[in-house]
Amino acid sequence: MKVFTLLLDWLKTIVTALVIVLILHYFVFNLSTVDGHSMEPTLEEQEWLFINKLVYLFGSPKVGDIVILKDPQGVAGHERFFVKRIVGMPGDRIEISGEKLYRNGEVVDEPYTDTLIEDMNYGPETISEGHYFVMGDNRHAGASLDSRTFNAVPEKLIQGRADFILWPFDKIKAL
C-alpha cells in the first residue's frame, strides 16, 4: 500500500508541474527559434528568443518592439510565425521613399539596420486602429516578408514581445 501512495504522490506532483508549465507556456512566456535572415543584423538564424506573452495582456505594442506574430497570410492548420519589428502604430502614416522609412513625414532613425531599404517604395499608408506596421531589420532586397507585402497586422496576431536572446551563450542579451 505504501508503494501505491508513493506513486500517487509522484503522479500528483508530475501533473501539477505539467499544468503549471502549460499555463506559463500559453499565457506568460515561451521560447522561439529564429528561422531565416529577415531580422539580421539584430537576430541571427538559430538564436533562441525568450518571448514575453504577459506584456501585451497589460499594455500595447510600441514602436521598436520586436514581436512574434502569426503569419497574416497563413493557411488553416499550417501555422507559421514571424519575428518582426514594429515600425508603425495605429494612426501613423508610413511611407518608404528614397530607400528610407518615414513615419508621419519624418525620416525614422534605424540604428538596428545595416543598409538603406533596397526594395520598392511603399505608401503612404495610414495605419488603421488596432493594426501595426512591422518590418524585418534586414533591409536588403527581398530579405524580409513583412507589412510591405501583407499590410499592417491586427494586434490579435501579435503573440508576444521578444525580450532576450538566450542561445547561443556568447550572444545572450536583452533586446
Protein backbone atom coordinates (compact mmCIF):
# COMPACT_ATOMS: atom_id res chain seq x y z
CA MET A 1 0.00 0.00 0.00
CA LYS A 2 2.90 2.33 0.74
CA VAL A 3 4.19 1.95 -2.87
CA PHE A 4 0.75 2.89 -4.23
CA THR A 5 0.66 6.03 -2.05
CA LEU A 6 4.17 6.96 -3.16
CA LEU A 7 3.25 6.50 -6.84
CA LEU A 8 0.09 8.55 -6.36
CA ASP A 9 2.10 11.36 -4.75
CA TRP A 10 4.54 11.30 -7.68
CA LEU A 11 1.70 11.35 -10.19
CA LYS A 12 0.08 14.35 -8.45
CA THR A 13 3.41 16.19 -8.46
CA ILE A 14 4.03 15.48 -12.15
CA VAL A 15 0.50 16.51 -13.18
CA THR A 16 0.71 19.71 -11.10
CA ALA A 17 4.10 20.59 -12.64
CA LEU A 18 2.77 19.88 -16.14
CA VAL A 19 -0.27 22.10 -15.59
CA ILE A 20 1.93 24.93 -14.28
CA VAL A 21 4.32 24.63 -17.26
CA LEU A 22 1.41 24.64 -19.74
CA ILE A 23 -0.18 27.71 -18.13
CA LEU A 24 3.18 29.53 -18.20
CA HIS A 25 3.75 28.48 -21.83
CA TYR A 26 0.37 29.64 -23.11
CA PHE A 27 -0.09 32.82 -21.08
CA VAL A 28 3.25 34.07 -19.73
CA PHE A 29 6.23 33.13 -21.92
CA ASN A 30 7.69 30.69 -24.38
CA LEU A 31 10.89 30.15 -26.32
CA SER A 32 11.17 30.63 -30.06
CA THR A 33 13.95 29.85 -32.50
CA VAL A 34 14.86 32.35 -35.22
CA ASP A 35 14.33 30.75 -38.63
CA GLY A 36 15.59 32.83 -41.54
CA HIS A 37 17.51 36.03 -42.14
CA SER A 38 14.81 38.73 -42.10
CA MET A 39 15.91 40.19 -38.74
CA GLU A 40 19.65 40.38 -39.42
CA PRO A 41 21.79 42.01 -38.15
CA THR A 42 19.77 42.16 -34.88
CA LEU A 43 18.92 38.46 -34.79
CA GLU A 44 20.63 35.55 -36.50
CA GLU A 45 19.28 32.20 -37.59
CA GLN A 46 19.01 29.54 -34.85
CA GLU A 47 19.16 32.00 -31.95
CA TRP A 48 16.71 31.21 -29.15
CA LEU A 49 14.45 34.02 -28.02
CA PHE A 50 12.58 34.49 -24.75
CA ILE A 51 9.06 35.61 -25.73
CA ASN A 52 7.14 37.62 -23.14
CA LYS A 53 3.41 36.99 -23.65
CA LEU A 54 2.30 38.68 -20.45
CA VAL A 55 3.45 42.16 -21.50
CA TYR A 56 0.60 42.64 -24.01
CA LEU A 57 -2.09 41.45 -21.61
CA PHE A 58 -1.50 44.68 -19.66
CA GLY A 59 -0.28 47.00 -22.40
CA SER A 60 0.01 47.52 -26.13
CA PRO A 61 2.89 47.02 -28.54
CA LYS A 62 5.17 50.02 -29.06
CA VAL A 63 7.38 51.25 -31.88
CA GLY A 64 10.68 49.40 -31.72
CA ASP A 65 9.29 46.24 -30.09
CA ILE A 66 10.50 43.00 -31.66
CA VAL A 67 7.42 40.81 -31.78
CA ILE A 68 6.37 37.29 -32.68
CA LEU A 69 3.26 37.24 -34.84
CA LYS A 70 1.17 34.68 -36.64
CA ASP A 71 1.53 34.72 -40.41
CA PRO A 72 -1.25 37.05 -41.61
CA GLN A 73 -1.48 35.07 -44.84
CA GLY A 74 -1.42 31.74 -43.04
CA VAL A 75 -3.34 28.69 -44.11
CA ALA A 76 -5.55 26.98 -41.52
CA GLY A 77 -3.73 24.02 -39.98
CA HIS A 78 -0.29 25.23 -41.11
CA GLU A 79 0.62 27.93 -38.58
CA ARG A 80 3.79 29.91 -39.22
CA PHE A 81 5.20 32.63 -37.02
CA PHE A 82 7.33 35.64 -37.92
CA VAL A 83 9.77 37.74 -35.91
CA LYS A 84 9.46 41.42 -36.89
CA ARG A 85 9.99 44.92 -35.51
CA ILE A 86 7.08 47.32 -35.03
CA VAL A 87 7.78 50.49 -37.04
CA GLY A 88 4.26 51.93 -37.25
CA MET A 89 1.43 52.32 -34.74
CA PRO A 90 -2.31 52.85 -35.25
CA GLY A 91 -2.82 56.30 -36.79
CA ASP A 92 0.75 56.64 -38.07
CA ARG A 93 1.33 57.47 -41.72
CA ILE A 94 4.02 55.13 -43.08
CA GLU A 95 5.92 55.68 -46.30
CA ILE A 96 9.07 54.22 -47.83
CA SER A 97 10.68 56.51 -50.35
CA GLY A 98 14.24 57.09 -51.50
CA GLU A 99 15.39 53.98 -49.57
CA LYS A 100 14.23 55.44 -46.25
CA LEU A 101 11.36 54.80 -43.86
CA TYR A 102 9.15 57.76 -42.97
CA ARG A 103 6.69 57.84 -40.07
CA ASN A 104 4.32 60.81 -40.05
CA GLY A 105 6.51 62.62 -42.58
CA GLU A 106 9.73 62.27 -40.55
CA VAL A 107 12.67 60.03 -41.50
CA VAL A 108 12.95 57.20 -38.97
CA ASP A 109 16.40 56.69 -37.44
CA GLU A 110 17.07 52.95 -37.69
CA PRO A 111 20.40 52.14 -35.99
CA TYR A 112 19.48 48.42 -35.92
CA THR A 113 19.79 48.07 -39.73
CA ASP A 114 22.96 47.79 -41.78
CA THR A 115 21.69 49.19 -45.09
CA LEU A 116 19.15 51.52 -46.60
CA ILE A 117 15.89 49.94 -47.79
CA GLU A 118 16.75 48.30 -51.10
CA ASP A 119 13.21 47.24 -52.00
CA MET A 120 10.48 49.23 -53.69
CA ASN A 121 8.82 52.38 -52.42
CA TYR A 122 5.69 51.95 -50.33
CA GLY A 123 2.73 54.10 -49.37
CA PRO A 124 1.98 56.47 -47.91
CA GLU A 125 -0.48 54.48 -45.81
CA THR A 126 -2.22 55.48 -42.60
CA ILE A 127 -2.29 52.55 -40.20
CA SER A 128 -5.79 51.52 -39.11
CA GLU A 129 -6.87 51.38 -35.49
CA GLY A 130 -5.79 48.13 -33.84
CA HIS A 131 -3.12 47.43 -36.51
CA TYR A 132 0.68 47.67 -36.56
CA PHE A 133 3.16 48.07 -39.40
CA VAL A 134 6.00 45.56 -39.00
CA MET A 135 9.27 45.11 -40.86
CA GLY A 136 12.30 42.88 -40.63
CA ASP A 137 15.59 44.60 -39.76
CA ASN A 138 17.23 43.12 -42.88
CA ARG A 139 16.56 45.82 -45.47
CA HIS A 140 18.39 44.15 -48.36
CA ALA A 141 16.23 43.50 -51.45
CA GLY A 142 13.80 40.59 -50.93
CA ALA A 143 15.17 39.74 -47.48
CA SER A 144 12.01 40.21 -45.41
CA LEU A 145 8.37 39.24 -45.82
CA ASP A 146 6.61 41.95 -43.83
CA SER A 147 3.87 44.63 -43.85
CA ARG A 148 5.11 45.89 -47.20
CA THR A 149 3.74 42.60 -48.56
CA PHE A 150 0.86 41.69 -46.24
CA ASN A 151 -0.03 45.20 -44.93
CA ALA A 152 -0.36 46.25 -41.31
CA VAL A 153 -1.19 43.38 -38.97
CA PRO A 154 -4.05 43.28 -36.48
CA GLU A 155 -3.00 43.26 -32.83
CA LYS A 156 -4.65 39.86 -32.31
CA LEU A 157 -1.93 38.24 -34.47
CA ILE A 158 0.86 39.52 -32.21
CA GLN A 159 1.73 36.71 -29.80
CA GLY A 160 4.34 38.42 -27.63
CA ARG A 161 7.49 40.51 -27.43
CA ALA A 162 10.99 39.09 -27.82
CA ASP A 163 12.84 40.31 -24.72
CA PHE A 164 16.08 38.29 -24.69
CA ILE A 165 18.40 36.19 -26.80
CA LEU A 166 19.04 33.08 -24.70
CA TRP A 167 21.19 30.99 -27.04
CA PRO A 168 23.99 30.71 -28.03
CA PHE A 169 25.58 31.65 -24.72
CA ASP A 170 28.02 34.12 -26.24
CA LYS A 171 25.07 36.11 -27.69
CA ILE A 172 22.89 36.30 -24.56
CA LYS A 173 21.49 39.82 -24.26
CA ALA A 174 18.34 41.87 -23.74
CA LEU A 175 16.63 43.14 -26.87
